[in-house]
Amino acid sequence: MLRHTYEGQDCNLARSLEVIGERWTLLIIRSALLGTKRFDGFLGSLQIARNVLTNRLARLVEHGIMERVPYQERPVRYEYRLTPTGRDLTRAVIALMQWGDRNLPQELGPPRRAEHIGCDGPLHVELHCSDCGRRVHDEEVDVRSIR
């Protein structure tokens, strides 16, 4: 992980990666987008060590990406649900999936795809200019420092 002090780093990407940049974290978020909610569900689908999963879920809850909600009283058991902040990562996760499909293709094709609920059409993450509304291609993007 990146260091926690941003000495000399005024970077929105570095701040984001500090919270979600560890590999298991993004896979937990992906699993939650696929419908996994319970600890054992994450454990089984990810084949992750219990202590690592416990730590990552606690961090996601701490940062408001997931919430811990009781689903059983005796004994008390919890499930982990994406908050609106967590759901806001949907585009980033889909963009990474699509990047992998394009640049690291598998012989059998992609193992999953994002679809529009209702018509089941495939979703694609695209850039659009907020001023003119036109679709913007990668080669038309200029990332600049603004301060």
Protein backbone atom coordinates (compact mmCIF):
# COMPACT_ATOMS: atom_id res chain seq x y z
CA MET A 1 0.00 0.00 0.00
CA LEU A 2 1.01 3.56 -0.42
CA ARG A 3 2.27 5.42 2.58
CA HIS A 4 -0.37 7.22 4.62
CA THR A 5 1.35 10.58 4.62
CA TYR A 6 0.99 12.45 1.38
CA GLU A 7 4.19 14.36 1.88
CA GLY A 8 4.90 15.88 -1.50
CA GLN A 9 1.92 14.07 -3.07
CA ASP A 10 -1.16 16.08 -3.90
CA CYS A 11 -2.82 13.36 -5.94
CA ASN A 12 -6.46 12.29 -6.08
CA LEU A 13 -5.50 8.88 -7.49
CA ALA A 14 -3.00 8.23 -4.66
CA ARG A 15 -5.70 9.12 -2.09
CA SER A 16 -8.13 6.70 -3.76
CA LEU A 17 -5.58 3.90 -3.96
CA GLU A 18 -4.85 4.31 -0.27
CA VAL A 19 -8.40 3.07 0.38
CA ILE A 20 -9.14 0.68 -2.52
CA GLY A 21 -5.77 -0.04 -4.12
CA GLU A 22 -4.93 -3.30 -2.39
CA ARG A 23 -5.77 -6.22 -4.70
CA TRP A 24 -8.14 -8.04 -2.34
CA THR A 25 -10.12 -4.86 -1.72
CA LEU A 26 -11.14 -4.48 -5.37
CA LEU A 27 -12.01 -8.17 -5.56
CA ILE A 28 -14.21 -7.83 -2.45
CA ILE A 29 -15.97 -4.88 -4.08
CA ARG A 30 -16.40 -6.88 -7.29
CA SER A 31 -17.89 -9.77 -5.30
CA ALA A 32 -20.27 -7.37 -3.55
CA LEU A 33 -21.37 -6.03 -6.95
CA LEU A 34 -22.03 -9.67 -7.94
CA GLY A 35 -24.31 -10.02 -4.91
CA THR A 36 -22.09 -11.47 -2.20
CA LYS A 37 -23.00 -10.07 1.23
CA ARG A 38 -21.91 -12.52 3.89
CA PHE A 39 -18.46 -13.18 5.28
CA ASP A 40 -18.55 -16.87 4.32
CA GLY A 41 -19.65 -15.93 0.81
CA PHE A 42 -16.63 -13.66 0.34
CA LEU A 43 -14.40 -16.29 1.92
CA GLY A 44 -15.60 -19.03 -0.44
CA SER A 45 -15.68 -17.06 -3.66
CA LEU A 46 -12.34 -15.32 -3.17
CA GLN A 47 -10.35 -18.05 -1.40
CA ILE A 48 -8.87 -15.32 0.80
CA ALA A 49 -7.39 -15.80 4.28
CA ARG A 50 -9.90 -15.09 7.08
CA ASN A 51 -7.70 -12.48 8.75
CA VAL A 52 -7.10 -10.65 5.47
CA LEU A 53 -10.83 -10.62 4.69
CA THR A 54 -11.64 -9.41 8.20
CA ASN A 55 -9.14 -6.55 7.87
CA ARG A 56 -10.26 -5.53 4.38
CA LEU A 57 -13.97 -5.56 5.29
CA ALA A 58 -13.26 -3.48 8.42
CA ARG A 59 -11.36 -0.94 6.30
CA LEU A 60 -14.19 -0.75 3.75
CA VAL A 61 -16.68 -0.16 6.57
CA GLU A 62 -14.36 2.43 8.15
CA HIS A 63 -14.24 4.38 4.89
CA GLY A 64 -17.98 4.19 4.28
CA ILE A 65 -17.72 1.95 1.22
CA MET A 66 -19.60 -0.90 2.91
CA GLU A 67 -21.90 -1.08 5.89
CA ARG A 68 -22.13 -3.92 8.38
CA VAL A 69 -25.79 -4.89 8.87
CA PRO A 70 -27.05 -7.60 11.26
CA TYR A 71 -29.07 -10.35 9.55
CA GLN A 72 -29.36 -12.74 12.52
CA GLU A 73 -29.80 -12.12 16.24
CA ARG A 74 -28.74 -15.33 18.01
CA PRO A 75 -25.86 -15.47 17.49
CA VAL A 76 -25.50 -12.02 15.99
CA ARG A 77 -24.28 -12.28 12.42
CA TYR A 78 -23.64 -9.54 9.92
CA GLU A 79 -23.68 -9.03 6.20
CA TYR A 80 -21.74 -6.40 4.31
CA ARG A 81 -23.61 -4.15 1.89
CA LEU A 82 -22.24 -1.55 -0.47
CA THR A 83 -23.17 1.99 0.50
CA PRO A 84 -23.83 4.66 -2.14
CA THR A 85 -20.10 5.49 -1.87
CA GLY A 86 -19.31 1.84 -2.59
CA ARG A 87 -21.79 1.66 -5.47
CA ASP A 88 -20.04 4.71 -6.90
CA LEU A 89 -17.11 2.37 -7.64
CA THR A 90 -19.23 0.43 -10.16
CA ARG A 91 -17.88 2.39 -13.15
CA ALA A 92 -14.28 1.97 -11.99
CA VAL A 93 -14.68 -1.81 -11.55
CA ILE A 94 -16.39 -2.18 -14.94
CA ALA A 95 -13.70 -0.02 -16.59
CA LEU A 96 -10.98 -2.30 -15.15
CA MET A 97 -12.87 -5.41 -16.29
CA GLN A 98 -13.19 -4.00 -19.81
CA TRP A 99 -9.54 -2.97 -19.87
CA GLY A 100 -8.62 -6.58 -18.99
CA ASP A 101 -10.96 -7.93 -21.68
CA ARG A 102 -9.27 -5.72 -24.32
CA ASN A 103 -5.66 -5.98 -23.20
CA LEU A 104 -5.42 -9.34 -21.41
CA PRO A 105 -7.96 -11.46 -23.31
CA GLN A 106 -8.68 -15.07 -22.43
CA GLU A 107 -9.15 -17.77 -25.05
CA LEU A 108 -12.71 -18.49 -23.84
CA GLY A 109 -13.60 -14.80 -23.67
CA PRO A 110 -14.51 -12.76 -20.61
CA PRO A 111 -15.81 -14.70 -17.58
CA ARG A 112 -18.43 -12.04 -16.79
CA ARG A 113 -19.85 -8.86 -18.19
CA ALA A 114 -21.82 -5.93 -16.86
CA GLU A 115 -25.41 -5.77 -18.12
CA HIS A 116 -28.23 -3.27 -17.91
CA ILE A 117 -30.93 -4.54 -15.53
CA GLY A 118 -34.14 -4.54 -17.52
CA CYS A 119 -32.97 -5.15 -21.08
CA ASP A 120 -29.82 -7.22 -20.33
CA GLY A 121 -27.78 -5.13 -22.81
CA PRO A 122 -24.02 -5.00 -22.25
CA LEU A 123 -22.68 -1.89 -20.52
CA HIS A 124 -19.60 0.05 -21.61
CA VAL A 125 -17.78 2.71 -19.65
CA GLU A 126 -17.12 5.75 -21.83
CA LEU A 127 -15.84 9.27 -21.33
CA HIS A 128 -18.02 12.24 -22.22
CA CYS A 129 -17.18 15.92 -22.08
CA SER A 130 -19.33 17.71 -19.51
CA ASP A 131 -19.21 20.94 -21.59
CA CYS A 132 -20.08 19.77 -25.12
CA GLY A 133 -21.52 16.33 -24.26
CA ARG A 134 -19.47 14.62 -26.97
CA ARG A 135 -17.94 11.17 -26.45
CA VAL A 136 -14.18 11.51 -25.86
CA HIS A 137 -11.65 8.93 -27.06
CA ASP A 138 -8.57 8.02 -25.01
CA GLU A 139 -6.19 9.91 -27.30
CA GLU A 140 -8.25 13.08 -26.77
CA VAL A 141 -7.69 13.10 -22.99
CA ASP A 142 -5.21 15.45 -21.31
CA VAL A 143 -4.73 14.95 -17.57
CA ARG A 144 -3.46 18.22 -16.11
CA SER A 145 -2.46 19.60 -12.75
CA ILE A 146 -4.88 22.39 -11.88
CA ARG A 147 -3.11 23.79 -8.83
